[in-house]
C-alpha atoms as a PDB file:
ATOM      1  CA  MET A   1      12.956 -37.629   0.158  1.00  0.00           C
ATOM      2  CA  THR A   2      15.483 -35.416   1.945  1.00  0.00           C
ATOM      3  CA  SER A   3      14.302 -33.976   5.012  1.00  0.00           C
ATOM      4  CA  GLU A   4      15.637 -31.065   3.508  1.00  0.00           C
ATOM      5  CA  ILE A   5      13.122 -28.867   2.263  1.00  0.00           C
ATOM      6  CA  LYS A   6      13.863 -27.201  -0.544  1.00  0.00           C
ATOM      7  CA  ILE A   7      11.508 -24.594  -2.193  1.00  0.00           C
ATOM      8  CA  GLY A   8      12.776 -23.317  -5.358  1.00  0.00           C
ATOM      9  CA  ILE A   9      12.004 -19.211  -6.950  1.00  0.00           C
ATOM     10  CA  VAL A  10      13.149 -18.358 -10.080  1.00  0.00           C
ATOM     11  CA  THR A  11      12.399 -14.627 -11.785  1.00  0.00           C
ATOM     12  CA  VAL A  12      11.964 -14.011 -15.363  1.00  0.00           C
ATOM     13  CA  SER A  13      12.358 -11.776 -16.531  1.00  0.00           C
ATOM     14  CA  ASP A  14      15.693 -10.623 -19.325  1.00  0.00           C
ATOM     15  CA  ARG A  15      16.533  -6.927 -17.688  1.00  0.00           C
ATOM     16  CA  ALA A  16      16.868  -8.628 -14.380  1.00  0.00           C
ATOM     17  CA  SER A  17      19.323 -11.295 -15.886  1.00  0.00           C
ATOM     18  CA  ALA A  18      20.666  -9.327 -17.508  1.00  0.00           C
ATOM     19  CA  GLY A  19      21.272  -6.728 -14.602  1.00  0.00           C
ATOM     20  CA  ILE A  20      19.553  -3.558 -16.175  1.00  0.00           C
ATOM     21  CA  TYR A  21      17.589  -3.612 -12.855  1.00  0.00           C
ATOM     22  CA  ALA A  22      16.867  -5.367  -9.858  1.00  0.00           C
ATOM     23  CA  ASP A  23      14.819  -8.409  -9.239  1.00  0.00           C
ATOM     24  CA  GLU A  24      11.802  -7.621  -7.261  1.00  0.00           C
ATOM     25  CA  GLY A  25       9.594 -10.521  -8.149  1.00  0.00           C
ATOM     26  CA  GLY A  26      11.889 -13.625  -6.429  1.00  0.00           C
ATOM     27  CA  PRO A  27      12.962 -11.148  -3.140  1.00  0.00           C
ATOM     28  CA  ALA A  28       9.036 -10.773  -2.803  1.00  0.00           C
ATOM     29  CA  ILE A  29       8.096 -14.534  -3.586  1.00  0.00           C
ATOM     30  CA  HIS A  30      10.569 -15.337  -0.685  1.00  0.00           C
ATOM     31  CA  ASP A  31       9.738 -12.294   1.851  1.00  0.00           C
ATOM     32  CA  TYR A  32       5.953 -13.765   1.663  1.00  0.00           C
ATOM     33  CA  LEU A  33       7.078 -17.438   2.476  1.00  0.00           C
ATOM     34  CA  LEU A  34       9.307 -16.976   5.244  1.00  0.00           C
ATOM     35  CA  LYS A  35       6.592 -15.635   7.048  1.00  0.00           C
ATOM     36  CA  ALA A  36       3.406 -18.082   5.454  1.00  0.00           C
ATOM     37  CA  LEU A  37       6.310 -20.676   6.621  1.00  0.00           C
ATOM     38  CA  THR A  38       6.799 -21.728   9.855  1.00  0.00           C
ATOM     39  CA  SER A  39       8.750 -25.625   8.682  1.00  0.00           C
ATOM     40  CA  PRO A  40      12.821 -24.956   8.153  1.00  0.00           C
ATOM     41  CA  TRP A  41      13.454 -24.159   4.698  1.00  0.00           C
ATOM     42  CA  THR A  42      15.922 -23.579   2.174  1.00  0.00           C
ATOM     43  CA  PRO A  43      15.790 -20.725  -0.938  1.00  0.00           C
ATOM     44  CA  VAL A  44      17.231 -22.594  -4.138  1.00  0.00           C
ATOM     45  CA  SER A  45      16.928 -19.412  -6.199  1.00  0.00           C
ATOM     46  CA  ARG A  46      17.367 -18.276  -9.908  1.00  0.00           C
ATOM     47  CA  VAL A  47      16.615 -15.444 -12.254  1.00  0.00           C
ATOM     48  CA  ILE A  48      17.239 -16.289 -15.673  1.00  0.00           C
ATOM     49  CA  PRO A  49      15.631 -15.068 -18.844  1.00  0.00           C
ATOM     50  CA  ASP A  50      12.593 -14.964 -20.664  1.00  0.00           C
ATOM     51  CA  VAL A  51      13.319 -18.814 -23.300  1.00  0.00           C
ATOM     52  CA  ARG A  52      11.074 -21.676 -23.332  1.00  0.00           C
ATOM     53  CA  LYS A  53      13.427 -24.465 -22.915  1.00  0.00           C
ATOM     54  CA  GLY A  54      15.770 -22.339 -20.015  1.00  0.00           C
ATOM     55  CA  ILE A  55      12.744 -22.434 -18.743  1.00  0.00           C
ATOM     56  CA  ALA A  56      11.414 -25.103 -18.820  1.00  0.00           C
ATOM     57  CA  GLU A  57      15.211 -27.023 -17.834  1.00  0.00           C
ATOM     58  CA  THR A  58      15.519 -24.811 -14.266  1.00  0.00           C
ATOM     59  CA  LEU A  59      12.173 -26.064 -13.460  1.00  0.00           C
ATOM     60  CA  ILE A  60      13.651 -29.572 -14.293  1.00  0.00           C
ATOM     61  CA  GLU A  61      16.791 -29.343 -12.448  1.00  0.00           C
ATOM     62  CA  LEU A  62      14.921 -27.276  -9.666  1.00  0.00           C
ATOM     63  CA  ALA A  63      12.347 -30.118  -9.578  1.00  0.00           C
ATOM     64  CA  ASP A  64      14.714 -33.256 -10.466  1.00  0.00           C
ATOM     65  CA  ARG A  65      18.061 -32.774  -9.876  1.00  0.00           C
ATOM     66  CA  GLU A  66      17.635 -30.251  -6.463  1.00  0.00           C
ATOM     67  CA  GLY A  67      14.572 -31.749  -5.009  1.00  0.00           C
ATOM     68  CA  CYS A  68      11.980 -28.861  -4.171  1.00  0.00           C
ATOM     69  CA  CYS A  69       9.028 -29.280  -3.677  1.00  0.00           C
ATOM     70  CA  LEU A  70       7.805 -25.950  -4.689  1.00  0.00           C
ATOM     71  CA  ILE A  71       8.963 -24.476  -7.377  1.00  0.00           C
ATOM     72  CA  VAL A  72       7.599 -20.184  -7.724  1.00  0.00           C
ATOM     73  CA  THR A  73       8.061 -18.674 -10.788  1.00  0.00           C
ATOM     74  CA  THR A  74       7.693 -14.613 -11.300  1.00  0.00           C
ATOM     75  CA  GLY A  75       7.374 -13.235 -14.528  1.00  0.00           C
ATOM     76  CA  GLY A  76       5.911 -14.561 -18.074  1.00  0.00           C
ATOM     77  CA  THR A  77       3.277 -14.763 -17.406  1.00  0.00           C
ATOM     78  CA  GLY A  78       1.341 -11.869 -19.925  1.00  0.00           C
ATOM     79  CA  PRO A  79       0.648 -11.794 -23.813  1.00  0.00           C
ATOM     80  CA  ALA A  80       4.205 -10.091 -24.865  1.00  0.00           C
ATOM     81  CA  PRO A  81       5.599 -12.036 -27.109  1.00  0.00           C
ATOM     82  CA  ARG A  82       8.194 -12.751 -24.743  1.00  0.00           C
ATOM     83  CA  ASP A  83       5.824 -14.262 -21.792  1.00  0.00           C
ATOM     84  CA  VAL A  84       6.608 -18.093 -22.339  1.00  0.00           C
ATOM     85  CA  THR A  85       6.601 -19.041 -18.925  1.00  0.00           C
ATOM     86  CA  PRO A  86       3.108 -20.479 -18.700  1.00  0.00           C
ATOM     87  CA  GLU A  87       4.362 -23.089 -21.955  1.00  0.00           C
ATOM     88  CA  ALA A  88       7.875 -23.646 -20.210  1.00  0.00           C
ATOM     89  CA  THR A  89       5.975 -25.155 -17.582  1.00  0.00           C
ATOM     90  CA  GLU A  90       3.510 -26.505 -19.607  1.00  0.00           C
ATOM     91  CA  ASP A  91       5.960 -28.028 -21.131  1.00  0.00           C
ATOM     92  CA  VAL A  92       7.684 -29.827 -17.915  1.00  0.00           C
ATOM     93  CA  VAL A  93       4.215 -30.673 -15.858  1.00  0.00           C
ATOM     94  CA  GLU A  94       3.005 -34.144 -15.757  1.00  0.00           C
ATOM     95  CA  LYS A  95      -0.306 -32.900 -14.296  1.00  0.00           C
ATOM     96  CA  PRO A  96      -2.055 -29.305 -15.055  1.00  0.00           C
ATOM     97  CA  LEU A  97      -2.888 -27.863 -11.984  1.00  0.00           C
ATOM     98  CA  PRO A  98      -5.446 -24.978 -14.002  1.00  0.00           C
ATOM     99  CA  GLY A  99      -7.396 -23.941 -10.623  1.00  0.00           C
ATOM    100  CA  PHE A 100      -4.396 -22.609  -9.115  1.00  0.00           C
ATOM    101  CA  GLY A 101      -4.141 -20.518 -12.465  1.00  0.00           C
ATOM    102  CA  GLU A 102      -7.879 -19.576 -12.703  1.00  0.00           C
ATOM    103  CA  LEU A 103      -7.841 -18.401  -8.987  1.00  0.00           C
ATOM    104  CA  MET A 104      -5.184 -16.284  -8.653  1.00  0.00           C
ATOM    105  CA  ARG A 105      -7.270 -14.441 -12.185  1.00  0.00           C
ATOM    106  CA  GLN A 106     -10.241 -14.108 -10.325  1.00  0.00           C
ATOM    107  CA  VAL A 107      -8.975 -12.603  -7.253  1.00  0.00           C
ATOM    108  CA  SER A 108      -6.013 -10.135  -9.312  1.00  0.00           C
ATOM    109  CA  LEU A 109     -10.141  -8.990 -11.461  1.00  0.00           C
ATOM    110  CA  ALA A 110     -10.692  -8.066  -8.346  1.00  0.00           C
ATOM    111  CA  LYS A 111      -8.379  -5.541  -8.101  1.00  0.00           C
ATOM    112  CA  VAL A 112      -7.008  -4.777 -11.685  1.00  0.00           C
ATOM    113  CA  PRO A 113      -8.925  -4.709 -15.483  1.00  0.00           C
ATOM    114  CA  THR A 114      -5.682  -6.278 -17.270  1.00  0.00           C
ATOM    115  CA  ALA A 115      -5.812  -9.253 -15.197  1.00  0.00           C
ATOM    116  CA  ILE A 116      -7.765 -10.908 -17.651  1.00  0.00           C
ATOM    117  CA  LEU A 117      -4.777 -10.694 -19.850  1.00  0.00           C
ATOM    118  CA  SER A 118      -2.712 -12.606 -17.082  1.00  0.00           C
ATOM    119  CA  ARG A 119      -1.574 -16.684 -17.629  1.00  0.00           C
ATOM    120  CA  GLN A 120      -0.677 -17.959 -14.960  1.00  0.00           C
ATOM    121  CA  THR A 121      -0.593 -22.185 -14.558  1.00  0.00           C
ATOM    122  CA  ALA A 122       0.354 -24.757 -12.292  1.00  0.00           C
ATOM    123  CA  GLY A 123       1.409 -27.970 -11.893  1.00  0.00           C
ATOM    124  CA  ILE A 124       3.375 -31.233 -10.996  1.00  0.00           C
ATOM    125  CA  ARG A 125       5.979 -32.913 -12.016  1.00  0.00           C
ATOM    126  CA  GLY A 126       7.430 -35.032  -9.638  1.00  0.00           C
ATOM    127  CA  ARG A 127       6.913 -34.767  -5.954  1.00  0.00           C
ATOM    128  CA  SER A 128       7.313 -30.930  -6.874  1.00  0.00           C
ATOM    129  CA  LEU A 129       4.678 -28.447  -7.453  1.00  0.00           C
ATOM    130  CA  ILE A 130       5.281 -25.149  -9.753  1.00  0.00           C
ATOM    131  CA  VAL A 131       2.845 -22.260  -9.616  1.00  0.00           C
ATOM    132  CA  ASN A 132       3.954 -19.450 -11.839  1.00  0.00           C
ATOM    133  CA  LEU A 133       2.797 -16.255 -10.102  1.00  0.00           C
ATOM    134  CA  PRO A 134       3.164 -12.452 -12.124  1.00  0.00           C
ATOM    135  CA  GLY A 135       5.813 -10.465 -11.856  1.00  0.00           C
ATOM    136  CA  ARG A 136       5.311  -7.469  -9.294  1.00  0.00           C
ATOM    137  CA  PRO A 137       5.481  -7.769  -5.418  1.00  0.00           C
ATOM    138  CA  ARG A 138       1.654  -6.317  -4.759  1.00  0.00           C
ATOM    139  CA  ALA A 139       0.114  -9.020  -7.061  1.00  0.00           C
ATOM    140  CA  ILE A 140       2.395 -11.657  -6.170  1.00  0.00           C
ATOM    141  CA  ALA A 141       1.063 -11.615  -2.313  1.00  0.00           C
ATOM    142  CA  GLU A 142      -2.699 -11.551  -3.682  1.00  0.00           C
ATOM    143  CA  CYS A 143      -1.744 -14.088  -5.407  1.00  0.00           C
ATOM    144  CA  LEU A 144       0.172 -16.167  -2.820  1.00  0.00           C
ATOM    145  CA  ASP A 145      -2.611 -15.320  -0.272  1.00  0.00           C
ATOM    146  CA  ALA A 146      -5.202 -16.688  -2.500  1.00  0.00           C
ATOM    147  CA  VAL A 147      -3.235 -19.733  -3.516  1.00  0.00           C
ATOM    148  CA  MET A 148      -1.001 -20.527  -0.454  1.00  0.00           C
ATOM    149  CA  PRO A 149      -4.266 -22.458   1.820  1.00  0.00           C
ATOM    150  CA  ALA A 150      -3.424 -25.213  -0.728  1.00  0.00           C
ATOM    151  CA  ILE A 151      -0.376 -25.708  -1.683  1.00  0.00           C
ATOM    152  CA  PRO A 152       0.601 -27.833   2.148  1.00  0.00           C
ATOM    153  CA  TYR A 153      -2.137 -29.883   1.122  1.00  0.00           C
ATOM    154  CA  CYS A 154      -1.117 -30.643  -2.813  1.00  0.00           C
ATOM    155  CA  ILE A 155       2.764 -31.148  -1.164  1.00  0.00           C
ATOM    156  CA  ASP A 156       1.111 -33.959   1.075  1.00  0.00           C
ATOM    157  CA  LEU A 157      -0.789 -34.843  -1.600  1.00  0.00           C
ATOM    158  CA  ILE A 158       2.876 -35.802  -4.237  1.00  0.00           C
ATOM    159  CA  GLU A 159       3.767 -37.318  -1.314  1.00  0.00           C
ATOM    160  CA  GLY A 160       6.675 -34.221  -0.460  1.00  0.00           C
ATOM    161  CA  PRO A 161       7.740 -33.284   2.482  1.00  0.00           C
ATOM    162  CA  TYR A 162       4.314 -31.868   5.452  1.00  0.00           C
ATOM    163  CA  LEU A 163       5.020 -27.408   5.314  1.00  0.00           C
ATOM    164  CA  GLU A 164       3.531 -26.192   8.263  1.00  0.00           C
ATOM    165  CA  THR A 165       2.649 -22.071   7.859  1.00  0.00           C
ATOM    166  CA  ASP A 166       1.531 -19.409  10.739  1.00  0.00           C
ATOM    167  CA  PRO A 167      -1.640 -19.355  11.301  1.00  0.00           C
ATOM    168  CA  ALA A 168      -1.858 -15.411  11.790  1.00  0.00           C
ATOM    169  CA  VAL A 169      -0.786 -15.469   8.397  1.00  0.00           C
ATOM    170  CA  ILE A 170      -1.987 -17.900   6.686  1.00  0.00           C
ATOM    171  CA  VAL A 171      -4.275 -21.640   7.873  1.00  0.00           C
ATOM    172  CA  ALA A 172      -3.617 -23.905   6.207  1.00  0.00           C
ATOM    173  CA  PHE A 173      -5.713 -26.124   4.645  1.00  0.00           C
ATOM    174  CA  ARG A 174      -5.858 -30.178   4.595  1.00  0.00           C
ATOM    175  CA  PRO A 175      -9.528 -32.202   4.772  1.00  0.00           C
ATOM    176  CA  GLY A 176     -11.000 -33.062   8.638  1.00  0.00           C
ATOM    177  CA  GLN A 177      -8.717 -30.427   9.788  1.00  0.00           C
ATOM    178  CA  LYS A 178     -10.963 -28.798  12.579  1.00  0.00           C
ATOM    179  CA  LYS A 179     -12.188 -25.172  11.958  1.00  0.00           C
ATOM    180  CA  VAL A 180     -11.090 -23.058  14.467  1.00  0.00           C
END
């Protein structure tokens, strides 16, 4: 295991990957992680079209070749025909973690009734945690607020690097911690 912490950030969007409009999801994830994490880390960013095989290949590249301990995707989680990020994620993970999607939908439903249409998921590939997020920056932050407390411990469990968070932003939960 390398001492450098790499985090993959993948925007799945036909239009953003073609340059038709600016990617807002990837930068929103990057900005969130800059605030939330105190451990030094390097982003490995990709902007790719909504193509299942291409999404799967990108996730494999980031997990297996780049060694990203965390890979966060944005986009492609709705019910539209081109929304295939969850399927591509399921194609490459070895252990699905459905609780991530369940919690993100629960949190989002408190804000908007159409969150029931969201299909975010998460899973483990080797020593990488892959988490699918929605495409809108505000929804990205709401979902990360919900699941981020569990992410560092999950990465501990898969023998990844030790991620520390800024407790003023997010308190990471690790069993045995004293409550502050």
